[in-house]
N, C-alpha and C. Protein backbone atom coordinates (compact mmCIF):
# COMPACT_ATOMS: atom_id res chain seq x y z
N MET A 1 120.89 112.92 75.20
CA MET A 1 121.26 111.80 76.00
C MET A 1 120.35 111.73 77.28
N ILE A 2 119.97 110.37 77.44
CA ILE A 2 119.22 110.12 78.62
C ILE A 2 119.91 109.29 79.64
N ALA A 3 120.22 109.69 80.89
CA ALA A 3 120.68 108.89 81.79
C ALA A 3 119.87 108.35 82.86
N ILE A 4 119.95 107.14 83.50
CA ILE A 4 119.16 106.76 84.62
C ILE A 4 120.11 106.43 85.66
N ILE A 5 119.88 107.20 86.75
CA ILE A 5 120.67 106.97 87.97
C ILE A 5 119.88 106.65 89.31
N ARG A 6 120.41 106.16 90.29
CA ARG A 6 119.81 106.16 91.48
C ARG A 6 120.64 107.08 92.35
N GLY A 7 119.91 107.98 92.89
CA GLY A 7 120.82 109.20 93.44
C GLY A 7 119.76 110.00 94.20
N ASP A 8 120.57 111.10 94.63
CA ASP A 8 119.79 112.29 95.23
C ASP A 8 119.77 113.62 94.42
N LEU A 9 118.56 113.82 93.96
CA LEU A 9 118.40 115.06 92.96
C LEU A 9 118.86 116.27 93.50
N THR A 10 119.05 116.52 94.96
CA THR A 10 119.34 117.77 95.35
C THR A 10 120.86 117.89 95.24
N VAL A 11 121.69 117.21 95.05
CA VAL A 11 123.15 117.30 94.99
C VAL A 11 123.61 117.43 93.55
N LEU A 12 122.67 117.27 92.70
CA LEU A 12 123.03 117.30 91.04
C LEU A 12 123.67 118.74 90.47
N LYS A 13 124.72 118.72 89.94
CA LYS A 13 125.09 119.97 89.20
C LYS A 13 124.52 119.86 87.91
N ILE A 14 123.39 120.58 87.62
CA ILE A 14 122.54 120.45 86.57
C ILE A 14 121.73 121.95 86.27
N ASP A 15 121.35 122.11 85.07
CA ASP A 15 120.60 123.55 84.92
C ASP A 15 119.28 123.51 85.92
N ALA A 16 118.47 122.35 85.69
CA ALA A 16 117.37 122.36 86.53
C ALA A 16 116.96 120.86 87.13
N VAL A 17 116.52 120.89 88.32
CA VAL A 17 115.96 119.78 88.88
C VAL A 17 114.44 119.88 88.87
N VAL A 18 113.82 118.71 88.79
CA VAL A 18 112.29 118.71 88.70
C VAL A 18 111.90 118.26 90.09
N ASN A 19 110.88 118.98 90.82
CA ASN A 19 110.48 118.78 92.12
C ASN A 19 109.00 118.14 91.83
N ALA A 20 108.77 116.82 92.50
CA ALA A 20 107.38 116.33 92.37
C ALA A 20 106.72 116.99 93.50
N ALA A 21 106.02 117.90 93.07
CA ALA A 21 105.20 118.97 94.13
C ALA A 21 103.65 118.85 94.33
N ASN A 22 103.34 119.40 95.31
CA ASN A 22 101.71 119.28 95.39
C ASN A 22 101.22 120.76 94.99
N GLU A 23 99.94 120.76 94.96
CA GLU A 23 99.28 121.64 94.20
C GLU A 23 99.54 123.07 94.98
N ALA A 24 99.77 123.11 96.22
CA ALA A 24 100.13 124.09 97.17
C ALA A 24 101.36 124.74 97.08
N LEU A 25 102.37 123.86 96.55
CA LEU A 25 103.65 124.36 96.56
C LEU A 25 104.16 124.97 97.67
N ARG A 26 103.94 124.55 98.79
CA ARG A 26 104.46 124.87 100.06
C ARG A 26 105.32 123.89 100.68
N GLY A 27 105.82 122.89 100.07
CA GLY A 27 106.64 121.77 100.68
C GLY A 27 105.89 120.87 101.08
N GLY A 28 106.38 119.69 101.16
CA GLY A 28 105.57 118.47 101.82
C GLY A 28 106.66 117.35 102.33
N GLY A 29 106.22 116.18 102.03
CA GLY A 29 107.04 114.96 102.49
C GLY A 29 107.92 114.51 101.33
N GLY A 30 108.65 113.52 101.40
CA GLY A 30 109.46 113.02 100.54
C GLY A 30 110.50 113.92 99.72
N LEU A 31 110.40 113.68 98.46
CA LEU A 31 111.44 114.62 97.71
C LEU A 31 111.05 116.09 97.78
N ASP A 32 109.65 116.48 97.69
CA ASP A 32 109.56 117.74 97.93
C ASP A 32 110.08 118.52 99.10
N GLY A 33 109.85 117.64 100.39
CA GLY A 33 110.33 118.13 101.58
C GLY A 33 111.94 118.40 101.31
N ALA A 34 112.58 117.36 100.85
CA ALA A 34 113.97 117.35 100.87
C ALA A 34 114.53 118.45 99.72
N ILE A 35 113.72 118.79 98.92
CA ILE A 35 114.29 119.87 97.99
C ILE A 35 114.01 121.09 98.67
N HIS A 36 112.90 121.33 99.31
CA HIS A 36 112.56 122.60 100.17
C HIS A 36 113.73 122.77 101.37
N ASP A 37 114.16 121.73 102.05
CA ASP A 37 115.21 121.65 102.88
C ASP A 37 116.45 122.07 102.46
N ALA A 38 116.82 121.45 101.36
CA ALA A 38 118.28 121.69 100.60
C ALA A 38 118.28 123.14 100.02
N ALA A 39 117.27 123.53 99.47
CA ALA A 39 117.37 125.06 98.72
C ALA A 39 117.16 126.13 99.61
N GLY A 40 116.65 125.91 100.93
CA GLY A 40 116.70 126.81 101.82
C GLY A 40 115.53 127.55 101.96
N PRO A 41 115.29 128.49 102.96
CA PRO A 41 113.97 129.30 103.11
C PRO A 41 113.60 130.32 101.83
N GLU A 42 114.50 130.49 101.30
CA GLU A 42 114.38 131.51 100.19
C GLU A 42 113.37 130.81 99.16
N LEU A 43 113.36 129.42 99.04
CA LEU A 43 112.47 128.78 97.99
C LEU A 43 111.07 129.05 98.41
N LEU A 44 110.70 128.85 99.70
CA LEU A 44 109.31 128.89 100.09
C LEU A 44 109.05 130.33 100.05
N ALA A 45 109.83 131.49 100.40
CA ALA A 45 109.62 132.76 100.12
C ALA A 45 109.00 133.16 98.51
N GLU A 46 109.92 132.55 97.86
CA GLU A 46 109.52 132.68 96.33
C GLU A 46 108.21 132.25 96.06
N LEU A 47 107.86 130.85 96.45
CA LEU A 47 106.70 130.17 96.19
C LEU A 47 105.52 130.79 96.95
N LEU A 48 105.53 131.53 98.07
CA LEU A 48 104.43 132.15 98.70
C LEU A 48 103.84 133.29 97.68
N LYS A 49 104.66 133.50 96.64
CA LYS A 49 104.21 134.52 95.66
C LYS A 49 103.33 134.00 94.78
N VAL A 50 103.30 132.52 94.58
CA VAL A 50 102.60 131.83 93.39
C VAL A 50 101.43 131.12 94.13
N PRO A 51 100.16 131.38 93.48
CA PRO A 51 98.92 131.12 94.30
C PRO A 51 98.82 129.40 94.32
N GLY A 52 99.75 128.79 93.50
CA GLY A 52 99.51 127.18 93.67
C GLY A 52 99.77 126.79 92.07
N CYS A 53 99.66 125.55 91.85
CA CYS A 53 99.83 125.00 90.62
C CYS A 53 98.93 123.68 90.42
N PRO A 54 98.17 123.78 89.29
CA PRO A 54 97.06 122.62 89.10
C PRO A 54 97.93 121.42 88.75
N THR A 55 97.09 120.23 88.87
CA THR A 55 97.71 119.00 88.48
C THR A 55 98.06 118.94 87.00
N GLY A 56 99.05 118.43 86.57
CA GLY A 56 99.45 118.57 85.13
C GLY A 56 100.17 119.57 84.63
N LYS A 57 100.36 120.52 85.46
CA LYS A 57 101.11 121.79 85.23
C LYS A 57 102.53 121.85 85.97
N ALA A 58 103.49 122.91 85.78
CA ALA A 58 104.62 123.00 86.44
C ALA A 58 104.89 124.44 86.37
N VAL A 59 105.81 124.88 87.44
CA VAL A 59 106.26 126.30 87.60
C VAL A 59 107.77 126.31 87.91
N LEU A 60 108.62 127.45 87.63
CA LEU A 60 110.00 127.49 87.76
C LEU A 60 110.15 128.53 88.84
N THR A 61 111.23 127.82 89.68
CA THR A 61 111.71 128.93 90.66
C THR A 61 113.20 128.90 90.57
N ASN A 62 113.90 129.59 91.17
CA ASN A 62 115.58 129.56 91.41
C ASN A 62 115.81 128.35 91.98
N GLY A 63 116.84 127.96 92.09
CA GLY A 63 117.34 126.92 92.88
C GLY A 63 118.01 127.10 94.16
N TYR A 64 118.22 128.44 94.39
CA TYR A 64 118.78 128.89 95.57
C TYR A 64 120.03 128.09 95.97
N ARG A 65 119.92 127.39 97.26
CA ARG A 65 121.03 126.65 97.68
C ARG A 65 121.41 125.41 97.08
N LEU A 66 120.74 124.83 96.01
CA LEU A 66 121.07 123.66 95.36
C LEU A 66 122.22 124.00 94.29
N PRO A 67 122.75 122.98 93.78
CA PRO A 67 123.77 123.24 92.85
C PRO A 67 122.98 123.43 91.49
N ALA A 68 121.81 123.05 91.41
CA ALA A 68 121.02 123.41 90.00
C ALA A 68 120.44 124.78 90.16
N ARG A 69 120.62 125.42 88.94
CA ARG A 69 120.31 126.86 88.96
C ARG A 69 118.70 127.05 89.27
N TYR A 70 117.93 126.12 88.62
CA TYR A 70 116.52 126.13 88.76
C TYR A 70 115.66 124.78 89.33
N ILE A 71 114.68 125.16 89.89
CA ILE A 71 113.86 124.04 90.49
C ILE A 71 112.47 124.12 89.47
N ILE A 72 111.99 123.21 88.86
CA ILE A 72 110.84 123.11 88.17
C ILE A 72 109.79 122.21 88.92
N HIS A 73 108.89 122.87 89.31
CA HIS A 73 107.87 122.17 90.38
C HIS A 73 106.78 121.59 89.35
N ALA A 74 106.66 120.38 89.35
CA ALA A 74 105.73 119.63 88.49
C ALA A 74 104.72 119.04 89.38
N VAL A 75 103.37 119.17 89.17
CA VAL A 75 102.37 118.54 90.06
C VAL A 75 101.76 117.33 89.26
N GLY A 76 102.09 116.32 89.75
CA GLY A 76 101.61 115.11 89.00
C GLY A 76 100.25 114.51 89.67
N PRO A 77 99.58 113.62 88.99
CA PRO A 77 98.28 113.33 89.63
C PRO A 77 98.51 112.18 90.83
N ARG A 78 97.52 112.18 91.93
CA ARG A 78 97.42 111.16 92.57
C ARG A 78 96.82 110.11 92.06
N TRP A 79 97.34 108.76 92.34
CA TRP A 79 96.68 107.57 91.73
C TRP A 79 95.20 107.29 92.49
N ARG A 80 94.16 107.25 91.50
CA ARG A 80 92.91 106.80 92.11
C ARG A 80 92.45 105.59 91.32
N GLY A 81 93.23 104.62 90.95
CA GLY A 81 92.86 103.51 90.23
C GLY A 81 93.13 103.53 88.63
N GLY A 82 93.38 104.68 88.17
CA GLY A 82 93.83 104.75 86.68
C GLY A 82 92.50 104.89 85.80
N GLY A 83 91.32 105.27 86.39
CA GLY A 83 90.25 105.57 85.43
C GLY A 83 89.64 107.02 85.72
N HIS A 84 90.61 107.83 86.38
CA HIS A 84 90.26 109.18 86.47
C HIS A 84 91.33 110.05 85.59
N GLY A 85 91.81 109.79 84.47
CA GLY A 85 92.70 110.70 83.76
C GLY A 85 94.11 110.61 84.40
N GLU A 86 94.35 109.81 85.05
CA GLU A 86 95.81 110.02 85.74
C GLU A 86 96.74 109.98 84.63
N ALA A 87 96.82 109.25 83.76
CA ALA A 87 97.87 109.00 82.67
C ALA A 87 98.02 110.22 81.85
N ASP A 88 96.87 110.86 81.57
CA ASP A 88 96.90 112.10 80.72
C ASP A 88 97.38 113.18 81.55
N LEU A 89 97.18 113.29 82.91
CA LEU A 89 97.71 114.19 83.79
C LEU A 89 99.02 114.22 83.93
N LEU A 90 99.64 112.92 84.08
CA LEU A 90 101.06 112.63 84.30
C LEU A 90 101.82 112.82 83.16
N LEU A 91 101.43 112.69 81.97
CA LEU A 91 101.92 113.25 80.71
C LEU A 91 102.06 114.66 80.72
N ALA A 92 100.82 115.28 80.93
CA ALA A 92 100.88 116.77 80.84
C ALA A 92 101.89 117.38 81.83
N ALA A 93 102.12 116.80 82.89
CA ALA A 93 103.02 117.28 83.74
C ALA A 93 104.45 117.22 83.23
N TYR A 94 104.66 116.23 82.70
CA TYR A 94 106.18 116.10 81.92
C TYR A 94 106.37 116.99 80.87
N GLU A 95 105.16 117.17 80.13
CA GLU A 95 105.12 118.02 78.77
C GLU A 95 105.34 119.63 79.33
N SER A 96 104.68 119.93 80.47
CA SER A 96 104.61 121.20 81.13
C SER A 96 105.95 121.47 81.45
N VAL A 97 106.74 120.49 82.09
CA VAL A 97 108.22 120.66 82.67
C VAL A 97 108.98 121.01 81.33
N PHE A 98 108.81 120.24 80.36
CA PHE A 98 109.69 120.51 79.03
C PHE A 98 109.56 121.97 78.66
N ALA A 99 108.15 122.31 78.43
CA ALA A 99 107.98 123.62 77.98
C ALA A 99 108.52 124.65 78.73
N VAL A 100 108.47 124.79 80.18
CA VAL A 100 108.98 125.54 81.10
C VAL A 100 110.51 125.59 80.91
N ALA A 101 111.19 124.54 81.04
CA ALA A 101 112.43 124.41 80.85
C ALA A 101 113.13 124.97 79.37
N SER A 102 112.42 124.67 78.53
CA SER A 102 112.80 125.23 77.08
C SER A 102 112.59 126.79 77.28
N ASP A 103 111.46 127.30 77.82
CA ASP A 103 111.46 128.70 78.01
C ASP A 103 112.56 129.35 78.89
N ALA A 104 113.03 128.59 79.78
CA ALA A 104 114.09 129.19 80.63
C ALA A 104 115.62 128.95 80.01
N GLY A 105 115.56 128.24 78.88
CA GLY A 105 116.93 127.98 78.43
C GLY A 105 117.78 126.86 78.86
N VAL A 106 117.03 126.07 79.54
CA VAL A 106 117.61 124.99 80.26
C VAL A 106 118.01 123.85 79.35
N ARG A 107 119.32 123.59 79.49
CA ARG A 107 120.03 122.49 78.45
C ARG A 107 120.23 121.20 79.10
N THR A 108 120.28 121.19 80.53
CA THR A 108 120.38 119.74 81.25
C THR A 108 119.46 119.95 82.43
N ILE A 109 118.63 118.69 82.63
CA ILE A 109 117.59 118.54 83.57
C ILE A 109 117.60 117.03 84.17
N ALA A 110 117.23 117.09 85.39
CA ALA A 110 116.99 115.79 86.05
C ALA A 110 115.62 115.72 86.61
N PHE A 111 114.98 114.59 86.37
CA PHE A 111 113.64 114.17 86.94
C PHE A 111 113.65 113.17 88.01
N PRO A 112 112.67 113.19 88.89
CA PRO A 112 112.43 112.20 89.72
C PRO A 112 111.28 111.24 88.96
N ALA A 113 110.77 110.21 89.74
CA ALA A 113 109.69 109.49 89.35
C ALA A 113 108.33 110.20 89.70
N ILE A 114 108.06 111.10 89.03
CA ILE A 114 106.80 111.93 89.45
C ILE A 114 105.61 111.28 89.74
N SER A 115 104.88 111.29 90.90
CA SER A 115 103.74 110.73 91.43
C SER A 115 104.00 109.36 91.98
N THR A 116 105.05 108.92 92.00
CA THR A 116 105.32 107.52 92.37
C THR A 116 105.42 107.38 93.89
N GLY A 117 105.87 108.27 94.39
CA GLY A 117 105.89 108.30 96.02
C GLY A 117 104.35 108.44 96.45
N ILE A 118 104.37 109.37 97.44
CA ILE A 118 103.21 109.49 98.33
C ILE A 118 101.80 109.51 97.44
N PHE A 119 101.72 110.07 96.19
CA PHE A 119 100.77 110.07 95.29
C PHE A 119 100.42 108.53 94.68
N GLY A 120 101.14 107.55 94.94
CA GLY A 120 100.81 106.20 94.70
C GLY A 120 100.68 105.67 93.25
N TYR A 121 101.12 106.31 92.44
CA TYR A 121 101.24 106.02 90.82
C TYR A 121 101.87 104.71 90.72
N PRO A 122 101.77 103.61 90.37
CA PRO A 122 102.24 102.43 89.99
C PRO A 122 103.59 102.76 89.23
N LYS A 123 104.68 102.25 89.93
CA LYS A 123 106.24 102.62 89.27
C LYS A 123 106.26 102.27 87.64
N ARG A 124 105.68 101.22 87.21
CA ARG A 124 105.96 100.75 85.94
C ARG A 124 105.20 101.56 85.07
N ALA A 125 103.90 101.55 85.14
CA ALA A 125 103.15 102.49 84.30
C ALA A 125 103.47 104.16 84.21
N ALA A 126 104.09 104.44 85.36
CA ALA A 126 104.64 105.86 85.44
C ALA A 126 105.86 106.10 84.63
N ALA A 127 106.70 105.04 84.80
CA ALA A 127 108.03 104.90 83.99
C ALA A 127 107.66 104.82 82.59
N ARG A 128 106.72 104.26 82.04
CA ARG A 128 106.32 104.21 80.72
C ARG A 128 106.07 105.57 80.24
N ILE A 129 105.12 106.40 80.92
CA ILE A 129 104.65 107.72 80.61
C ILE A 129 105.93 108.54 80.64
N ALA A 130 106.57 108.40 81.52
CA ALA A 130 107.96 109.55 81.80
C ALA A 130 108.71 109.27 80.77
N LEU A 131 109.21 107.85 80.28
CA LEU A 131 110.08 107.78 79.57
C LEU A 131 109.82 108.06 77.87
N ARG A 132 108.59 107.84 77.69
CA ARG A 132 108.16 108.15 76.42
C ARG A 132 108.37 109.94 76.17
N ALA A 133 108.09 110.58 77.22
CA ALA A 133 108.17 111.97 77.25
C ALA A 133 109.51 112.37 77.21
N LEU A 134 110.48 111.83 77.74
CA LEU A 134 111.99 111.92 77.96
C LEU A 134 112.64 111.66 76.70
N VAL A 135 112.19 110.61 75.98
CA VAL A 135 112.75 110.15 74.66
C VAL A 135 112.19 111.33 73.60
N GLU A 136 110.84 111.69 73.66
CA GLU A 136 110.28 112.55 72.67
C GLU A 136 111.16 113.81 72.82
N HIS A 137 111.57 114.35 73.87
CA HIS A 137 112.24 115.63 74.02
C HIS A 137 113.69 115.51 74.14
N GLU A 138 114.33 114.13 74.02
CA GLU A 138 115.66 114.01 74.09
C GLU A 138 116.53 115.00 73.32
N LYS A 139 116.23 114.93 72.06
CA LYS A 139 117.20 115.75 71.02
C LYS A 139 117.11 117.29 71.31
N ALA A 140 116.12 117.96 72.13
CA ALA A 140 116.19 119.29 72.50
C ALA A 140 116.92 119.72 73.60
N PHE A 141 117.51 118.76 74.31
CA PHE A 141 118.42 118.86 75.39
C PHE A 141 119.71 118.12 75.29
N ASP A 142 120.55 118.96 76.08
CA ASP A 142 122.10 118.34 76.07
C ASP A 142 121.97 117.14 77.05
N ARG A 143 121.38 116.91 78.15
CA ARG A 143 121.44 115.91 78.95
C ARG A 143 119.96 115.75 79.85
N ILE A 144 119.29 114.61 79.64
CA ILE A 144 118.22 114.34 80.64
C ILE A 144 118.34 113.19 81.61
N VAL A 145 118.35 113.49 82.76
CA VAL A 145 118.64 112.59 83.80
C VAL A 145 117.37 112.19 84.39
N ALA A 146 117.12 110.93 84.71
CA ALA A 146 115.92 110.23 85.42
C ALA A 146 116.71 109.87 86.79
N CYS A 147 116.68 110.47 87.99
CA CYS A 147 117.30 110.45 89.09
C CYS A 147 116.31 109.85 89.83
N LEU A 148 116.58 108.62 90.40
CA LEU A 148 115.48 107.73 91.04
C LEU A 148 116.00 107.52 92.41
N PHE A 149 115.08 107.22 93.29
CA PHE A 149 115.08 107.14 94.62
C PHE A 149 115.86 105.60 95.07
N ASP A 150 115.33 104.59 94.41
CA ASP A 150 115.85 103.29 94.90
C ASP A 150 116.02 102.46 93.50
N ASP A 151 116.78 101.15 93.99
CA ASP A 151 117.06 100.27 92.88
C ASP A 151 115.92 99.81 92.05
N GLU A 152 114.96 99.61 92.67
CA GLU A 152 113.62 98.80 92.08
C GLU A 152 113.24 100.05 90.98
N THR A 153 113.22 101.20 91.24
CA THR A 153 112.78 102.22 90.29
C THR A 153 113.69 102.40 89.24
N ARG A 154 114.90 102.40 89.55
CA ARG A 154 115.91 102.38 88.52
C ARG A 154 115.93 101.32 87.59
N THR A 155 115.76 100.03 87.96
CA THR A 155 115.71 98.89 87.03
C THR A 155 114.49 99.05 86.23
N ILE A 156 113.34 99.41 86.75
CA ILE A 156 111.97 99.48 85.98
C ILE A 156 112.32 100.61 84.86
N TYR A 157 113.02 101.67 85.09
CA TYR A 157 113.17 102.71 84.28
C TYR A 157 114.10 102.18 83.00
N GLU A 158 115.31 101.40 83.54
CA GLU A 158 115.96 100.84 82.51
C GLU A 158 115.45 100.01 81.49
N GLU A 159 114.64 98.93 82.23
CA GLU A 159 113.84 97.93 81.31
C GLU A 159 112.85 98.77 80.31
N GLU A 160 112.15 99.68 81.03
CA GLU A 160 111.12 100.24 80.08
C GLU A 160 111.88 101.31 79.06
N LEU A 161 113.08 101.85 79.22
CA LEU A 161 113.65 102.70 78.19
C LEU A 161 114.14 101.78 77.01
N GLU A 162 114.67 100.53 77.48
CA GLU A 162 115.11 99.52 76.62
C GLU A 162 114.09 98.97 75.63
N ASN A 163 112.73 98.85 76.25
CA ASN A 163 111.63 98.37 75.51
C ASN A 163 111.19 99.51 74.66
N ILE A 164 111.31 100.89 74.88
CA ILE A 164 110.87 102.08 74.00
C ILE A 164 111.93 102.09 72.97
N ARG A 165 113.08 101.94 73.19
CA ARG A 165 114.10 102.09 72.05
C ARG A 165 114.00 100.73 71.07
N ARG A 166 113.76 99.67 71.72
CA ARG A 166 113.67 98.39 70.95
C ARG A 166 112.50 98.58 70.15
N ALA A 167 111.32 99.00 70.33
CA ALA A 167 110.08 99.19 69.54
C ALA A 167 110.45 100.24 68.35
N GLY A 168 111.53 100.97 68.59
CA GLY A 168 111.90 101.97 67.64
C GLY A 168 111.23 103.43 67.58
N LYS A 169 110.83 103.62 69.11
CA LYS A 169 110.11 104.96 69.47
C LYS A 169 111.09 105.78 69.85
N GLY A 170 112.39 105.59 69.71
CA GLY A 170 113.47 106.58 70.22
C GLY A 170 114.76 105.93 70.12
């Protein structure tokens, strides 16, 4: 089941939340900073043992002070106009999250709109990629949540999920 909500990823009681991280994995602004703040200093201490994460990949940490058991840090691409492999890298980030989650035995997972904040990826284009990945993996998980920051993004996700379902791709 895929649920689309507007809300705060850091308060969800779920197996894993996905952090839209940067390659350094040391915290940052936006959601990344909020997750680091909510999880507490133990998160950074664990991430200091990880040399970083390339764009299109994901790494697993404990959730620490979050209600979620795990945090999966996914590095999406920075938008550079669309001609630099951004779509492939964004899809790879989602696929990497699903692989990491599956390996960890995760059954419920919540995603933000990866790369659409400070990385500048256009929301509708990112939603199409994200939702195709979510639909493709839907049957392998008990619940997949798209937890979005604002009503505009939530509406875009709802429209794009409906388009995918109507086209018979999920």
